[in-house]
Amino acid sequence: MGQAGAGRRCGAPSVGDRVTLVDTHAHLVTGDTANYPPAPPSGELKPDDLADPMTVERLLGEMDANGVGRALLVQRGSIYGFDSSYVC
């Protein structure tokens, strides 16, 4: 065979390989509406949109607790519209 990874499924780790878990779509929301005011495209927030926000600090705690090493941050478009300032 002679090729690196021959005999393995494409992308499958070998025993002993280190694997980094990545959350590829982490929606962030903050309760700090003074600095990050909601601007929903619909013009209205749903009653529970800000009830249990996934803040940066909470996300980091969840990542640590679940062995996730990296995350790609995404704004909640239904809350912030086109304003990505909380994730930038």
Protein backbone atom coordinates (compact mmCIF):
# COMPACT_ATOMS: atom_id res chain seq x y z
CA MET A 1 0.00 0.00 0.00
CA GLY A 2 2.68 2.51 0.97
CA GLN A 3 0.32 5.44 1.55
CA ALA A 4 -0.03 7.24 4.88
CA GLY A 5 -3.17 6.01 6.59
CA ALA A 6 -3.61 3.06 4.22
CA GLY A 7 -6.11 0.58 5.60
CA ARG A 8 -7.87 3.19 7.76
CA ARG A 9 -11.09 5.02 7.14
CA CYS A 10 -10.44 8.52 5.86
CA GLY A 11 -9.92 10.78 8.87
CA ALA A 12 -10.36 8.02 11.47
CA PRO A 13 -7.87 8.32 14.35
CA SER A 14 -5.57 5.46 15.25
CA VAL A 15 -5.29 4.09 18.75
CA GLY A 16 -3.14 6.53 20.72
CA ASP A 17 -3.86 9.51 18.44
CA ARG A 18 -4.82 12.71 20.23
CA VAL A 19 -8.17 14.02 19.12
CA THR A 20 -9.38 17.58 19.71
CA LEU A 21 -13.14 17.97 19.87
CA VAL A 22 -14.41 21.09 18.11
CA ASP A 23 -17.85 22.68 18.47
CA THR A 24 -18.32 24.04 14.96
CA HIS A 25 -21.44 26.10 15.60
CA ALA A 26 -21.60 27.61 19.11
CA HIS A 27 -24.34 30.25 19.35
CA LEU A 28 -23.56 32.93 21.91
CA VAL A 29 -26.02 35.21 23.65
CA THR A 30 -25.41 37.67 26.47
CA GLY A 31 -27.78 39.13 29.02
CA ASP A 32 -25.89 42.44 28.72
CA THR A 33 -28.48 44.22 26.60
CA ALA A 34 -26.98 47.65 27.36
CA ASN A 35 -23.73 46.85 25.51
CA TYR A 36 -25.21 44.29 23.08
CA PRO A 37 -28.79 45.38 22.35
CA PRO A 38 -31.03 42.86 20.64
CA ALA A 39 -31.99 43.72 17.07
CA PRO A 40 -34.10 40.80 15.89
CA PRO A 41 -34.95 40.89 12.17
CA SER A 42 -38.57 40.13 13.05
CA GLY A 43 -38.70 43.25 15.25
CA GLU A 44 -39.66 41.21 18.32
CA LEU A 45 -37.83 39.00 20.78
CA LYS A 46 -39.50 35.77 21.80
CA PRO A 47 -40.24 35.65 25.54
CA ASP A 48 -37.45 33.15 26.32
CA ASP A 49 -34.74 34.41 23.93
CA LEU A 50 -32.61 35.92 26.72
CA ALA A 51 -33.83 33.69 29.58
CA ASP A 52 -30.86 31.29 29.63
CA PRO A 53 -28.02 32.98 27.71
CA MET A 54 -25.01 31.03 26.48
CA THR A 55 -22.36 33.60 27.41
CA VAL A 56 -18.68 33.31 26.56
CA GLU A 57 -17.95 32.38 30.18
CA ARG A 58 -20.64 29.70 30.24
CA LEU A 59 -19.47 28.26 26.92
CA LEU A 60 -15.89 27.97 28.21
CA GLY A 61 -17.15 26.13 31.30
CA GLU A 62 -19.25 23.75 29.18
CA MET A 63 -16.32 23.14 26.86
CA ASP A 64 -14.02 22.31 29.78
CA ALA A 65 -16.62 20.03 31.36
CA ASN A 66 -17.11 18.11 28.11
CA GLY A 67 -13.56 17.93 26.76
CA VAL A 68 -14.13 20.32 23.87
CA GLY A 69 -10.89 22.05 22.88
CA ARG A 70 -12.07 24.64 20.36
CA ALA A 71 -15.23 26.35 19.19
CA LEU A 72 -16.40 28.42 16.26
CA LEU A 73 -18.52 31.27 17.60
CA VAL A 74 -21.75 32.23 15.86
CA GLN A 75 -24.12 35.05 16.72
CA ARG A 76 -27.81 34.34 17.26
CA GLY A 77 -29.22 35.99 14.15
CA SER A 78 -32.75 35.77 15.53
CA ILE A 79 -31.65 37.98 18.44
CA TYR A 80 -28.89 40.23 17.07
CA GLY A 81 -29.72 40.40 13.38
CA PHE A 82 -26.56 41.36 11.46
CA ASP A 83 -24.68 42.73 14.50
CA SER A 84 -21.86 40.29 15.29
CA SER A 85 -20.15 42.47 17.88
CA TYR A 86 -20.63 40.00 20.77
CA VAL A 87 -18.77 37.22 18.96
CA CYS A 88 -16.03 39.41 17.45
